[in-house]
N, C-alpha and C. Protein backbone atom coordinates (compact mmCIF):
# COMPACT_ATOMS: atom_id res chain seq x y z
N UNK A 1 117.10 106.56 127.89
CA UNK A 1 118.20 106.74 126.98
C UNK A 1 117.81 107.96 126.14
N UNK A 2 118.76 108.97 126.11
CA UNK A 2 118.54 110.14 125.33
C UNK A 2 119.02 109.88 123.93
N UNK A 3 118.17 110.00 122.92
CA UNK A 3 118.56 109.84 121.52
C UNK A 3 119.18 111.15 120.99
N UNK A 4 118.49 112.30 121.32
CA UNK A 4 119.06 113.65 120.91
C UNK A 4 118.30 114.75 121.66
N UNK A 5 118.85 115.92 121.72
CA UNK A 5 118.02 117.04 122.10
C UNK A 5 117.27 117.48 120.86
N UNK A 6 116.26 118.36 121.10
CA UNK A 6 115.40 118.81 120.00
C UNK A 6 115.39 120.35 119.94
N UNK A 7 115.61 120.88 118.78
CA UNK A 7 115.44 122.23 118.46
C UNK A 7 114.24 122.34 117.56
N UNK A 8 113.16 123.04 118.05
CA UNK A 8 111.96 122.90 117.33
C UNK A 8 111.31 124.27 117.03
N UNK A 9 110.99 124.59 115.81
CA UNK A 9 110.21 125.80 115.45
C UNK A 9 108.78 125.55 115.59
N UNK A 10 108.17 126.42 116.30
CA UNK A 10 106.66 126.36 116.48
C UNK A 10 105.98 126.70 115.14
N UNK A 11 105.17 125.75 114.59
CA UNK A 11 104.65 126.05 113.32
C UNK A 11 103.53 127.13 113.38
N UNK A 12 103.30 127.77 112.24
CA UNK A 12 102.43 128.90 112.21
C UNK A 12 100.94 128.49 112.14
N UNK A 13 100.05 129.44 112.25
CA UNK A 13 98.64 129.21 111.99
C UNK A 13 97.85 128.56 113.16
N UNK A 14 98.50 128.59 114.34
CA UNK A 14 97.86 127.96 115.45
C UNK A 14 97.46 126.53 115.30
N UNK A 15 98.30 125.83 114.60
CA UNK A 15 98.14 124.45 114.31
C UNK A 15 98.56 123.55 115.55
N UNK A 16 97.75 122.60 115.90
CA UNK A 16 98.10 121.66 116.96
C UNK A 16 99.23 120.71 116.42
N UNK A 17 100.49 121.04 116.90
CA UNK A 17 101.57 120.30 116.35
C UNK A 17 102.73 120.27 117.42
N UNK A 18 103.48 119.12 117.54
CA UNK A 18 104.65 119.06 118.39
C UNK A 18 105.65 118.22 117.71
N UNK A 19 106.88 118.22 118.21
CA UNK A 19 107.91 117.37 117.52
C UNK A 19 107.83 115.92 118.01
N UNK A 20 106.68 115.29 117.62
CA UNK A 20 106.49 113.86 117.97
C UNK A 20 107.46 112.95 117.13
N UNK A 21 108.16 112.08 117.78
CA UNK A 21 109.08 111.19 117.08
C UNK A 21 108.38 109.99 116.42
N UNK A 22 108.94 109.45 115.36
CA UNK A 22 108.43 108.33 114.75
C UNK A 22 109.61 107.26 114.65
N UNK A 23 109.41 106.07 115.09
CA UNK A 23 110.50 105.05 115.14
C UNK A 23 110.21 103.73 114.37
N UNK A 24 111.17 103.15 113.84
CA UNK A 24 111.11 101.87 113.14
C UNK A 24 112.38 101.03 113.41
N UNK A 25 112.39 99.76 112.99
CA UNK A 25 113.54 98.92 113.16
C UNK A 25 113.69 98.04 111.88
N UNK A 26 114.98 97.83 111.47
CA UNK A 26 115.14 97.02 110.23
C UNK A 26 115.45 95.57 110.72
N UNK A 27 115.76 94.72 109.66
CA UNK A 27 115.91 93.28 109.87
C UNK A 27 117.02 92.89 110.91
N UNK A 28 118.03 93.82 110.90
CA UNK A 28 119.21 93.44 111.83
C UNK A 28 119.08 94.12 113.23
N UNK A 29 117.86 94.79 113.46
CA UNK A 29 117.69 95.43 114.77
C UNK A 29 118.14 96.80 114.82
N UNK A 30 118.64 97.46 113.83
CA UNK A 30 118.98 98.90 113.79
C UNK A 30 117.69 99.71 113.93
N UNK A 31 117.71 100.60 114.89
CA UNK A 31 116.50 101.45 115.17
C UNK A 31 116.78 102.82 114.56
N UNK A 32 115.64 103.26 113.90
CA UNK A 32 115.66 104.58 113.22
C UNK A 32 114.52 105.44 113.84
N UNK A 33 114.99 106.71 114.12
CA UNK A 33 113.97 107.53 114.77
C UNK A 33 113.95 108.91 114.00
N UNK A 34 112.80 109.50 113.61
CA UNK A 34 112.76 110.76 112.86
C UNK A 34 111.83 111.71 113.63
N UNK A 35 112.14 112.93 113.59
CA UNK A 35 111.30 114.04 114.24
C UNK A 35 111.54 115.32 113.42
N UNK A 36 110.76 116.35 113.76
CA UNK A 36 110.95 117.74 113.21
C UNK A 36 111.85 118.46 114.09
N UNK A 37 112.88 119.12 113.33
CA UNK A 37 113.88 119.83 114.04
C UNK A 37 114.41 120.97 113.14
N UNK A 38 114.83 122.05 113.85
CA UNK A 38 115.28 123.28 113.09
C UNK A 38 116.80 123.45 113.22
N UNK A 39 117.51 122.51 113.81
CA UNK A 39 118.95 122.72 114.14
C UNK A 39 119.80 123.10 112.92
N UNK A 40 119.37 122.67 111.69
CA UNK A 40 120.19 122.93 110.46
C UNK A 40 119.87 124.21 109.76
N UNK A 41 118.96 125.04 110.38
CA UNK A 41 118.49 126.28 109.75
C UNK A 41 118.86 127.37 110.65
N UNK A 42 119.68 128.29 110.19
CA UNK A 42 120.12 129.43 110.98
C UNK A 42 118.94 130.36 111.42
N UNK A 43 118.87 130.47 112.81
CA UNK A 43 117.70 131.26 113.35
C UNK A 43 116.54 130.50 113.62
N UNK A 44 116.44 129.21 113.22
CA UNK A 44 115.35 128.32 113.44
C UNK A 44 114.06 128.92 112.85
N UNK A 45 114.06 129.27 111.51
CA UNK A 45 112.80 129.80 110.98
C UNK A 45 111.81 128.71 110.48
N UNK A 46 112.28 127.47 110.42
CA UNK A 46 111.37 126.40 110.07
C UNK A 46 111.99 125.06 110.41
N UNK A 47 111.36 123.97 110.25
CA UNK A 47 111.84 122.70 110.63
C UNK A 47 112.22 121.82 109.45
N UNK A 48 113.20 121.00 109.53
CA UNK A 48 113.47 119.92 108.65
C UNK A 48 112.96 118.64 109.31
N UNK A 49 112.95 117.55 108.64
CA UNK A 49 112.83 116.25 109.24
C UNK A 49 114.21 115.68 109.44
N UNK A 50 114.59 115.25 110.61
CA UNK A 50 115.89 114.74 110.86
C UNK A 50 115.78 113.25 111.35
N UNK A 51 116.82 112.48 111.20
CA UNK A 51 116.80 111.08 111.48
C UNK A 51 118.10 110.65 112.31
N UNK A 52 117.90 109.91 113.27
CA UNK A 52 119.02 109.27 114.01
C UNK A 52 118.82 107.81 114.03
N UNK A 53 119.96 106.98 114.09
CA UNK A 53 119.81 105.60 114.15
C UNK A 53 120.83 104.93 115.17
N UNK A 54 120.45 103.83 115.63
CA UNK A 54 121.28 103.14 116.53
C UNK A 54 121.34 101.63 116.28
N UNK A 55 122.64 101.05 116.40
CA UNK A 55 122.70 99.57 116.21
C UNK A 55 122.97 98.94 117.55
N UNK A 56 122.82 99.67 118.61
CA UNK A 56 122.94 99.17 119.99
C UNK A 56 121.89 99.69 120.86
N UNK A 57 121.88 99.33 122.14
CA UNK A 57 120.85 99.77 122.98
C UNK A 57 121.34 101.09 123.64
N UNK A 58 122.52 101.45 123.55
CA UNK A 58 122.99 102.60 124.33
C UNK A 58 123.63 103.70 123.55
N UNK A 59 123.95 103.50 122.20
CA UNK A 59 124.68 104.51 121.50
C UNK A 59 123.90 104.88 120.18
N UNK A 60 123.71 106.25 120.04
CA UNK A 60 123.01 106.74 118.90
C UNK A 60 123.94 107.64 117.99
N UNK A 61 123.79 107.47 116.74
CA UNK A 61 124.54 108.36 115.81
C UNK A 61 123.92 109.74 115.87
N UNK A 62 124.66 110.69 115.52
CA UNK A 62 124.20 112.14 115.44
C UNK A 62 122.96 112.19 114.47
N UNK A 63 122.04 113.05 114.79
CA UNK A 63 120.92 113.22 113.77
C UNK A 63 121.38 113.88 112.46
N UNK A 64 120.87 113.34 111.38
CA UNK A 64 121.16 113.90 110.07
C UNK A 64 119.86 114.47 109.49
N UNK A 65 119.97 115.48 108.60
CA UNK A 65 118.89 116.05 107.94
C UNK A 65 118.44 115.33 106.75
N UNK A 66 117.14 115.05 106.68
CA UNK A 66 116.58 114.45 105.42
C UNK A 66 116.55 115.54 104.31
N UNK A 67 117.21 115.34 103.22
CA UNK A 67 117.27 116.41 102.22
C UNK A 67 116.06 116.53 101.37
N UNK A 68 115.02 116.98 101.91
CA UNK A 68 113.66 117.16 101.30
C UNK A 68 113.88 118.37 100.37
N UNK A 69 114.52 119.41 100.75
CA UNK A 69 114.76 120.62 100.08
C UNK A 69 115.96 121.31 100.76
N UNK A 70 116.41 122.52 100.26
CA UNK A 70 117.52 123.15 100.78
C UNK A 70 117.22 123.82 102.08
N UNK A 71 118.26 124.01 102.93
CA UNK A 71 118.07 124.70 104.21
C UNK A 71 117.62 126.21 103.94
N UNK A 72 117.85 126.68 102.78
CA UNK A 72 117.39 128.05 102.51
C UNK A 72 115.97 128.12 101.97
N UNK A 73 115.31 127.03 101.90
CA UNK A 73 113.91 126.97 101.39
C UNK A 73 112.98 127.58 102.42
N UNK A 74 111.78 127.95 101.99
CA UNK A 74 110.74 128.54 102.90
C UNK A 74 109.87 127.47 103.53
N UNK A 75 110.10 126.23 103.26
CA UNK A 75 109.23 125.08 103.65
C UNK A 75 109.43 124.67 105.11
N UNK A 76 108.37 124.48 105.80
CA UNK A 76 108.42 123.97 107.19
C UNK A 76 107.78 122.58 107.16
N UNK A 77 108.57 121.62 107.65
CA UNK A 77 108.31 120.21 107.64
C UNK A 77 108.04 119.65 109.05
N UNK A 78 106.94 118.86 109.28
CA UNK A 78 106.73 118.46 110.60
C UNK A 78 105.90 117.08 110.72
N UNK A 79 105.73 116.58 111.83
CA UNK A 79 104.92 115.37 112.14
C UNK A 79 105.27 114.26 111.06
N UNK A 80 106.45 113.63 111.14
CA UNK A 80 106.87 112.54 110.25
C UNK A 80 106.21 111.22 110.60
N UNK A 81 106.02 110.35 109.61
CA UNK A 81 105.64 108.96 109.82
C UNK A 81 106.67 108.16 109.04
N UNK A 82 107.59 107.53 109.77
CA UNK A 82 108.74 106.75 109.29
C UNK A 82 108.44 105.35 109.13
N UNK A 83 108.92 104.68 108.03
CA UNK A 83 108.76 103.29 107.82
C UNK A 83 110.09 102.70 107.31
N UNK A 84 110.40 101.33 107.70
CA UNK A 84 111.49 100.74 107.29
C UNK A 84 111.11 99.25 106.80
N UNK A 85 111.57 98.89 105.77
CA UNK A 85 111.29 97.43 105.27
C UNK A 85 112.08 96.48 106.25
N UNK A 86 111.23 95.73 107.00
CA UNK A 86 111.88 94.91 108.03
C UNK A 86 112.42 93.58 107.55
N UNK A 87 112.51 93.35 106.19
CA UNK A 87 113.13 92.26 105.60
C UNK A 87 114.64 92.55 105.22
N UNK A 88 115.05 93.75 105.27
CA UNK A 88 116.33 94.21 104.77
C UNK A 88 116.93 95.12 105.79
N UNK A 89 118.36 95.14 105.74
CA UNK A 89 118.99 96.00 106.83
C UNK A 89 120.22 96.61 106.25
N UNK A 90 120.92 97.35 107.12
CA UNK A 90 122.24 97.91 106.82
C UNK A 90 122.20 98.91 105.58
N UNK A 91 123.19 98.86 104.79
CA UNK A 91 123.34 99.79 103.67
C UNK A 91 122.35 99.60 102.55
N UNK A 92 121.43 98.47 102.65
CA UNK A 92 120.44 98.20 101.74
C UNK A 92 119.02 98.46 102.29
N UNK A 93 119.05 99.09 103.52
CA UNK A 93 117.71 99.37 104.20
C UNK A 93 116.88 100.31 103.35
N UNK A 94 115.63 99.90 103.18
CA UNK A 94 114.56 100.72 102.44
C UNK A 94 113.76 101.42 103.47
N UNK A 95 113.70 102.70 103.21
CA UNK A 95 113.07 103.57 104.11
C UNK A 95 111.98 104.42 103.34
N UNK A 96 110.81 104.56 103.92
CA UNK A 96 109.77 105.44 103.43
C UNK A 96 109.48 106.49 104.49
N UNK A 97 109.33 107.74 104.17
CA UNK A 97 109.13 108.83 105.07
C UNK A 97 108.00 109.75 104.58
N UNK A 98 106.92 109.78 105.37
CA UNK A 98 105.81 110.61 105.03
C UNK A 98 105.79 111.74 106.06
N UNK A 99 105.36 112.91 105.70
CA UNK A 99 105.42 114.14 106.65
C UNK A 99 104.40 115.22 106.12
N UNK A 100 104.03 116.07 107.03
CA UNK A 100 103.25 117.16 106.72
C UNK A 100 104.16 118.35 106.51
N UNK A 101 103.72 119.36 105.79
CA UNK A 101 104.50 120.56 105.54
C UNK A 101 103.71 121.77 105.10
N UNK A 102 104.21 122.93 105.41
CA UNK A 102 103.77 124.24 104.87
C UNK A 102 104.78 124.59 103.75
N UNK A 103 104.36 124.87 102.53
CA UNK A 103 105.38 125.40 101.48
C UNK A 103 105.96 126.64 101.97
N UNK A 104 105.25 127.52 102.75
CA UNK A 104 105.77 128.74 103.21
C UNK A 104 105.55 128.86 104.78
N UNK A 105 106.69 128.74 105.45
CA UNK A 105 106.67 128.69 107.00
C UNK A 105 106.05 129.84 107.61
N UNK A 106 106.33 131.13 107.04
CA UNK A 106 105.82 132.36 107.60
C UNK A 106 104.48 132.60 106.99
N UNK A 107 103.39 131.92 107.47
CA UNK A 107 102.12 132.15 107.02
C UNK A 107 101.23 132.39 108.19
N UNK A 108 99.94 132.64 108.01
CA UNK A 108 98.99 132.83 109.09
C UNK A 108 97.83 131.90 109.02
N UNK A 109 97.00 131.97 110.07
CA UNK A 109 95.84 131.01 110.05
C UNK A 109 95.04 131.04 108.82
N UNK A 110 94.92 132.21 108.21
CA UNK A 110 94.17 132.34 106.90
C UNK A 110 94.97 132.13 105.66
N UNK A 111 96.28 132.02 105.74
CA UNK A 111 97.08 131.78 104.47
C UNK A 111 97.90 130.55 104.45
N UNK A 112 98.06 129.89 105.59
CA UNK A 112 98.77 128.62 105.67
C UNK A 112 98.19 127.62 104.78
N UNK A 113 98.99 126.84 104.02
CA UNK A 113 98.46 125.75 103.20
C UNK A 113 99.18 124.42 103.73
N UNK A 114 98.40 123.41 104.16
CA UNK A 114 98.89 122.24 104.68
C UNK A 114 99.03 121.09 103.64
N UNK A 115 100.16 120.59 103.46
CA UNK A 115 100.33 119.50 102.47
C UNK A 115 100.91 118.31 103.11
N UNK A 116 101.01 117.15 102.35
CA UNK A 116 101.62 115.95 102.77
C UNK A 116 102.63 115.54 101.73
N UNK A 117 103.78 115.19 102.21
CA UNK A 117 104.93 114.84 101.31
C UNK A 117 105.43 113.44 101.62
N UNK A 118 106.27 112.96 100.66
CA UNK A 118 106.83 111.61 100.89
C UNK A 118 108.20 111.63 100.15
N UNK A 119 109.14 110.84 100.74
CA UNK A 119 110.55 110.74 100.31
C UNK A 119 111.04 109.28 100.68
N UNK A 120 112.00 108.78 99.91
CA UNK A 120 112.36 107.39 100.22
C UNK A 120 113.96 107.25 100.06
N UNK A 121 114.44 106.16 100.66
CA UNK A 121 115.93 105.79 100.57
C UNK A 121 115.94 104.31 100.45
N UNK A 122 116.94 103.90 99.68
CA UNK A 122 117.17 102.40 99.56
C UNK A 122 118.57 102.07 100.03
N UNK A 123 119.20 102.98 100.73
CA UNK A 123 120.52 102.65 101.34
C UNK A 123 120.73 103.19 102.74
N UNK A 124 119.65 102.93 103.49
CA UNK A 124 119.62 103.27 104.90
C UNK A 124 119.69 104.75 105.34
N UNK A 125 119.39 105.55 104.31
CA UNK A 125 119.34 106.99 104.52
C UNK A 125 120.56 107.81 104.16
N UNK A 126 121.49 107.10 103.40
CA UNK A 126 122.64 107.76 102.94
C UNK A 126 122.24 108.79 101.80
N UNK A 127 121.26 108.37 100.92
CA UNK A 127 120.79 109.34 99.93
C UNK A 127 119.32 109.05 99.80
N UNK A 128 118.61 110.01 99.13
CA UNK A 128 117.16 109.97 99.14
C UNK A 128 116.61 110.33 97.76
N UNK A 129 115.38 109.92 97.51
CA UNK A 129 114.72 110.35 96.33
C UNK A 129 114.31 111.81 96.33
N UNK A 130 113.81 112.29 95.25
CA UNK A 130 113.19 113.60 95.26
C UNK A 130 111.86 113.42 96.06
N UNK A 131 111.47 114.52 96.68
CA UNK A 131 110.22 114.55 97.46
C UNK A 131 108.99 114.57 96.49
N UNK A 132 107.91 113.98 96.95
CA UNK A 132 106.68 113.86 96.18
C UNK A 132 105.50 114.44 97.02
N UNK A 133 104.67 115.24 96.45
CA UNK A 133 103.46 115.71 97.18
C UNK A 133 102.42 114.67 97.08
N UNK A 134 101.90 114.28 98.29
CA UNK A 134 100.95 113.23 98.38
C UNK A 134 99.54 113.68 98.41
N UNK A 135 99.37 114.87 99.24
CA UNK A 135 98.00 115.36 99.44
C UNK A 135 98.12 116.88 99.71
N UNK A 136 97.06 117.52 99.51
CA UNK A 136 96.98 119.00 99.84
C UNK A 136 96.97 119.75 98.46
N UNK A 137 96.85 121.09 98.62
CA UNK A 137 96.88 121.89 99.86
C UNK A 137 95.56 121.81 100.60
N UNK A 138 95.68 121.97 101.90
CA UNK A 138 94.55 121.90 102.81
C UNK A 138 94.61 123.38 103.41
N UNK A 139 93.36 123.99 103.51
CA UNK A 139 93.29 125.29 104.28
C UNK A 139 93.03 125.01 105.71
N UNK A 140 93.53 125.79 106.67
CA UNK A 140 93.46 125.38 108.11
C UNK A 140 92.07 125.55 108.52
N UNK A 141 91.25 126.41 107.91
CA UNK A 141 89.80 126.53 108.37
C UNK A 141 89.04 125.22 108.06
N UNK A 142 89.64 124.30 107.30
CA UNK A 142 88.96 122.94 106.98
C UNK A 142 89.18 122.10 108.26
N UNK A 143 90.06 122.49 109.14
CA UNK A 143 90.33 121.52 110.32
C UNK A 143 89.48 122.00 111.50
N UNK A 144 89.09 121.06 112.37
CA UNK A 144 88.30 121.45 113.53
C UNK A 144 89.27 122.20 114.52
N UNK A 145 88.62 123.21 115.16
CA UNK A 145 89.31 124.03 116.13
C UNK A 145 89.29 123.45 117.46
N UNK A 146 90.24 123.43 118.29
CA UNK A 146 90.26 122.93 119.67
C UNK A 146 90.91 123.94 120.57
N UNK A 147 90.98 123.58 121.86
CA UNK A 147 91.65 124.44 122.87
C UNK A 147 93.13 124.56 122.65
N UNK A 148 93.65 123.57 121.82
CA UNK A 148 95.08 123.54 121.54
C UNK A 148 95.37 123.94 120.10
N UNK A 149 94.42 124.54 119.46
CA UNK A 149 94.66 124.93 118.00
C UNK A 149 93.92 124.01 117.02
N UNK A 150 94.13 124.44 115.69
CA UNK A 150 93.43 123.60 114.70
C UNK A 150 94.08 122.19 114.63
N UNK A 151 93.26 121.23 114.55
CA UNK A 151 93.76 119.83 114.71
C UNK A 151 93.50 119.01 113.55
N UNK A 152 94.59 118.55 112.92
CA UNK A 152 94.55 117.52 111.75
C UNK A 152 94.78 116.10 112.52
N UNK A 153 95.11 116.11 113.74
CA UNK A 153 95.08 114.85 114.46
C UNK A 153 96.44 114.32 114.81
N UNK A 154 97.57 114.91 114.23
CA UNK A 154 98.88 114.34 114.52
C UNK A 154 98.96 112.92 114.13
N UNK A 155 97.95 112.43 113.48
CA UNK A 155 97.95 111.09 113.17
C UNK A 155 98.58 110.71 111.81
N UNK A 156 99.62 109.95 111.81
CA UNK A 156 100.37 109.63 110.56
C UNK A 156 101.14 108.36 110.91
N UNK A 157 101.10 107.47 109.89
CA UNK A 157 101.89 106.26 110.00
C UNK A 157 102.23 105.79 108.58
N UNK A 158 103.39 105.06 108.43
CA UNK A 158 103.76 104.57 107.19
C UNK A 158 104.34 103.14 107.34
N UNK A 159 103.93 102.34 106.50
CA UNK A 159 104.55 100.91 106.54
C UNK A 159 105.04 100.64 105.08
N UNK A 160 106.23 99.90 105.10
CA UNK A 160 106.91 99.42 103.89
C UNK A 160 106.78 97.89 103.84
N UNK A 161 106.16 97.39 102.85
CA UNK A 161 106.02 95.95 102.68
C UNK A 161 107.42 95.34 102.27
N UNK A 162 107.67 94.12 102.60
CA UNK A 162 108.94 93.50 102.26
C UNK A 162 109.13 93.50 100.69
N UNK A 163 110.18 94.25 100.35
CA UNK A 163 110.49 94.42 98.87
C UNK A 163 109.51 95.16 98.12
N UNK A 164 108.42 95.83 98.74
CA UNK A 164 107.41 96.40 97.94
C UNK A 164 107.20 97.93 98.31
N UNK A 165 105.97 98.40 98.14
CA UNK A 165 105.69 99.78 98.21
C UNK A 165 105.53 100.30 99.69
N UNK A 166 105.53 101.60 99.95
CA UNK A 166 105.20 102.18 101.11
C UNK A 166 103.76 102.57 101.19
N UNK A 167 103.04 102.44 102.39
CA UNK A 167 101.73 102.70 102.51
C UNK A 167 101.53 103.69 103.68
N UNK A 168 101.48 104.95 103.36
CA UNK A 168 101.18 105.92 104.47
C UNK A 168 99.71 105.89 104.77
N UNK A 169 99.43 106.16 106.07
CA UNK A 169 98.08 106.41 106.56
C UNK A 169 98.06 107.82 107.01
N UNK A 170 97.28 108.67 106.38
CA UNK A 170 97.35 110.14 106.58
C UNK A 170 96.01 110.78 106.76
N UNK A 171 95.92 111.85 107.59
CA UNK A 171 94.71 112.56 107.82
C UNK A 171 94.62 113.64 106.75
N UNK A 172 93.55 113.68 105.92
CA UNK A 172 93.39 114.58 104.82
C UNK A 172 92.09 115.33 104.98
N UNK A 173 92.03 116.66 104.89
CA UNK A 173 90.82 117.37 105.05
C UNK A 173 90.37 117.93 103.67
N UNK A 174 89.07 117.94 103.51
CA UNK A 174 88.45 118.58 102.36
C UNK A 174 87.59 119.72 102.86
N UNK A 175 87.13 120.61 101.92
CA UNK A 175 86.35 121.69 102.36
C UNK A 175 85.07 121.30 103.00
N UNK A 176 84.77 121.87 104.19
CA UNK A 176 83.47 121.49 104.92
C UNK A 176 82.23 121.73 104.08
N UNK A 177 81.23 121.02 104.47
CA UNK A 177 79.89 121.25 103.99
C UNK A 177 79.03 121.96 105.08
N UNK A 178 78.79 123.19 104.93
CA UNK A 178 78.19 124.00 106.08
C UNK A 178 79.04 123.91 107.30
N UNK A 179 78.51 123.37 108.33
CA UNK A 179 79.23 123.27 109.64
C UNK A 179 79.74 121.84 109.82
N UNK A 180 79.65 120.99 108.75
CA UNK A 180 80.14 119.56 108.84
C UNK A 180 81.55 119.49 108.27
N UNK A 181 82.51 119.04 109.07
CA UNK A 181 83.86 118.90 108.61
C UNK A 181 84.04 117.57 107.80
N UNK A 182 84.99 117.64 106.89
CA UNK A 182 85.33 116.40 106.03
C UNK A 182 86.80 116.09 106.30
N UNK A 183 87.07 115.33 107.34
CA UNK A 183 88.44 115.11 107.70
C UNK A 183 88.50 113.56 107.94
N UNK A 184 89.29 112.81 107.11
CA UNK A 184 89.27 111.35 107.23
C UNK A 184 90.67 110.87 107.03
N UNK A 185 90.84 109.58 107.19
CA UNK A 185 92.12 108.83 107.06
C UNK A 185 92.19 108.28 105.67
N UNK A 186 93.30 108.53 104.92
CA UNK A 186 93.40 108.09 103.52
C UNK A 186 94.74 107.30 103.44
N UNK A 187 94.73 106.41 102.42
CA UNK A 187 95.98 105.70 102.00
C UNK A 187 96.13 105.92 100.48
N UNK A 188 97.35 106.16 100.00
CA UNK A 188 97.54 106.32 98.58
C UNK A 188 97.20 104.94 97.92
N UNK A 189 96.40 105.01 96.94
CA UNK A 189 95.93 103.82 96.19
C UNK A 189 97.16 103.06 95.53
N UNK A 190 97.30 101.80 95.89
CA UNK A 190 98.39 101.02 95.49
C UNK A 190 99.76 101.28 96.16
N UNK A 191 99.77 102.30 97.05
CA UNK A 191 101.07 102.59 97.79
C UNK A 191 101.92 103.43 96.95
N UNK A 192 103.14 103.80 97.53
CA UNK A 192 104.09 104.65 96.99
C UNK A 192 105.46 103.85 96.65
N UNK A 193 105.99 104.01 95.63
CA UNK A 193 107.30 103.28 95.33
C UNK A 193 108.40 103.79 96.25
N UNK A 194 109.21 102.93 96.69
CA UNK A 194 110.38 103.24 97.45
C UNK A 194 111.56 103.03 96.44
N UNK A 195 111.94 104.27 95.96
CA UNK A 195 112.93 104.25 94.86
C UNK A 195 114.31 104.72 95.27
N UNK A 196 114.42 105.46 96.29
CA UNK A 196 115.73 106.13 96.58
C UNK A 196 116.05 107.08 95.53
N UNK A 197 117.39 107.70 95.63
CA UNK A 197 117.81 108.57 94.68
C UNK A 197 119.12 109.11 95.10
N UNK A 198 119.52 110.22 94.44
CA UNK A 198 120.90 110.74 94.63
C UNK A 198 121.02 111.94 95.53
N UNK A 199 119.86 112.36 96.12
CA UNK A 199 119.81 113.58 96.99
C UNK A 199 120.44 113.26 98.37
N UNK A 200 121.49 113.95 98.63
CA UNK A 200 122.23 113.74 99.91
C UNK A 200 122.13 115.04 100.75
N UNK A 201 122.51 114.98 102.02
CA UNK A 201 122.55 116.17 102.84
C UNK A 201 123.56 117.21 102.28
N UNK A 202 124.64 116.71 101.69
CA UNK A 202 125.68 117.57 101.19
C UNK A 202 125.36 118.16 99.89
N UNK A 203 124.39 117.55 99.17
CA UNK A 203 123.92 117.97 97.84
C UNK A 203 122.44 118.12 97.79
N UNK A 204 121.83 118.72 98.71
CA UNK A 204 120.39 118.79 98.75
C UNK A 204 119.89 119.63 97.67
N UNK A 205 118.85 119.24 97.07
CA UNK A 205 118.22 120.04 95.92
C UNK A 205 117.80 121.38 96.42
N UNK A 206 118.11 122.37 95.57
CA UNK A 206 117.72 123.79 95.89
C UNK A 206 116.28 123.97 95.58
N UNK A 207 115.43 124.21 96.56
CA UNK A 207 113.99 124.41 96.41
C UNK A 207 113.63 125.75 95.95
N UNK A 208 112.61 125.93 95.20
CA UNK A 208 112.00 127.18 94.89
C UNK A 208 111.34 127.85 96.09
N UNK A 209 110.68 128.92 95.93
CA UNK A 209 110.05 129.59 97.11
C UNK A 209 108.95 128.78 97.65
N UNK A 210 108.33 127.98 96.80
CA UNK A 210 107.40 127.03 97.22
C UNK A 210 107.49 125.59 96.66
N UNK A 211 106.92 124.61 97.21
CA UNK A 211 107.12 123.35 96.76
C UNK A 211 106.57 123.23 95.32
N UNK A 212 107.07 122.50 94.34
CA UNK A 212 106.52 122.37 93.01
C UNK A 212 105.22 121.63 93.12
N UNK A 213 104.33 121.96 92.22
CA UNK A 213 103.04 121.30 92.24
C UNK A 213 103.15 120.08 91.38
N UNK A 214 102.79 118.86 91.81
CA UNK A 214 102.93 117.60 91.18
C UNK A 214 101.52 117.03 90.95
N UNK A 215 101.48 116.09 90.04
CA UNK A 215 100.07 115.47 89.79
C UNK A 215 99.67 114.86 91.01
N UNK A 216 98.37 114.99 91.38
CA UNK A 216 97.83 114.38 92.59
C UNK A 216 97.94 112.79 92.62
N UNK A 217 98.28 112.29 93.79
CA UNK A 217 98.31 110.85 93.93
C UNK A 217 96.97 110.34 94.41
N UNK A 218 96.42 109.36 93.63
CA UNK A 218 95.01 108.91 94.10
C UNK A 218 95.00 108.34 95.48
N UNK A 219 94.00 108.77 96.31
CA UNK A 219 93.93 108.38 97.65
C UNK A 219 92.65 107.61 97.88
N UNK A 220 92.67 106.64 98.76
CA UNK A 220 91.55 105.89 99.12
C UNK A 220 91.11 106.15 100.63
N UNK A 221 89.94 106.55 100.87
CA UNK A 221 89.49 106.87 102.22
C UNK A 221 89.24 105.57 102.93
N UNK A 222 89.52 105.57 104.28
CA UNK A 222 89.27 104.54 105.20
C UNK A 222 88.68 105.02 106.46
């Protein structure tokens, strides 16, 4: 079953990355799928996170853009980890979405800054909260190099507890000590609130040249 075709911008900095989908299901059986896609940006200079959903086994709604920032922003978003509260459904569905991003898409291996963001919805994706920076910035030289590029693992997952917070599991790198890398899996301490908000695709917030710097969220290593 084809959910959608994909238009993908290859991220900069020789990072090992691909448009891997992330899928979840709500209490009524509606399936949600998110992935990185550049279809909403003229010339495909960077990716948004887009989401499609289905209430049947054969029909999928068209993909919509998650309004993390404006399509005119410099930000490149990729590798989403989608979560849905499985105790609720329909227009009250609670969604948590974690993702990696570069504040500036047109960067190089020496200048790219890798961050982790989070955004949420409490109405099935009709509108969204403001985006929050969860971790970063990380320098790409902090990531181990492989034959496929610098690897942060492509490992990301998010879970939303019934009526509660979202708990992303994310790979976060710190500066190496000599030749020893410091790359581990972290969870935000206490989770992240699923608040929703008024940001819609039609009224996406206009982002500055780079993502705003917010207070760091405490992380617990696992």
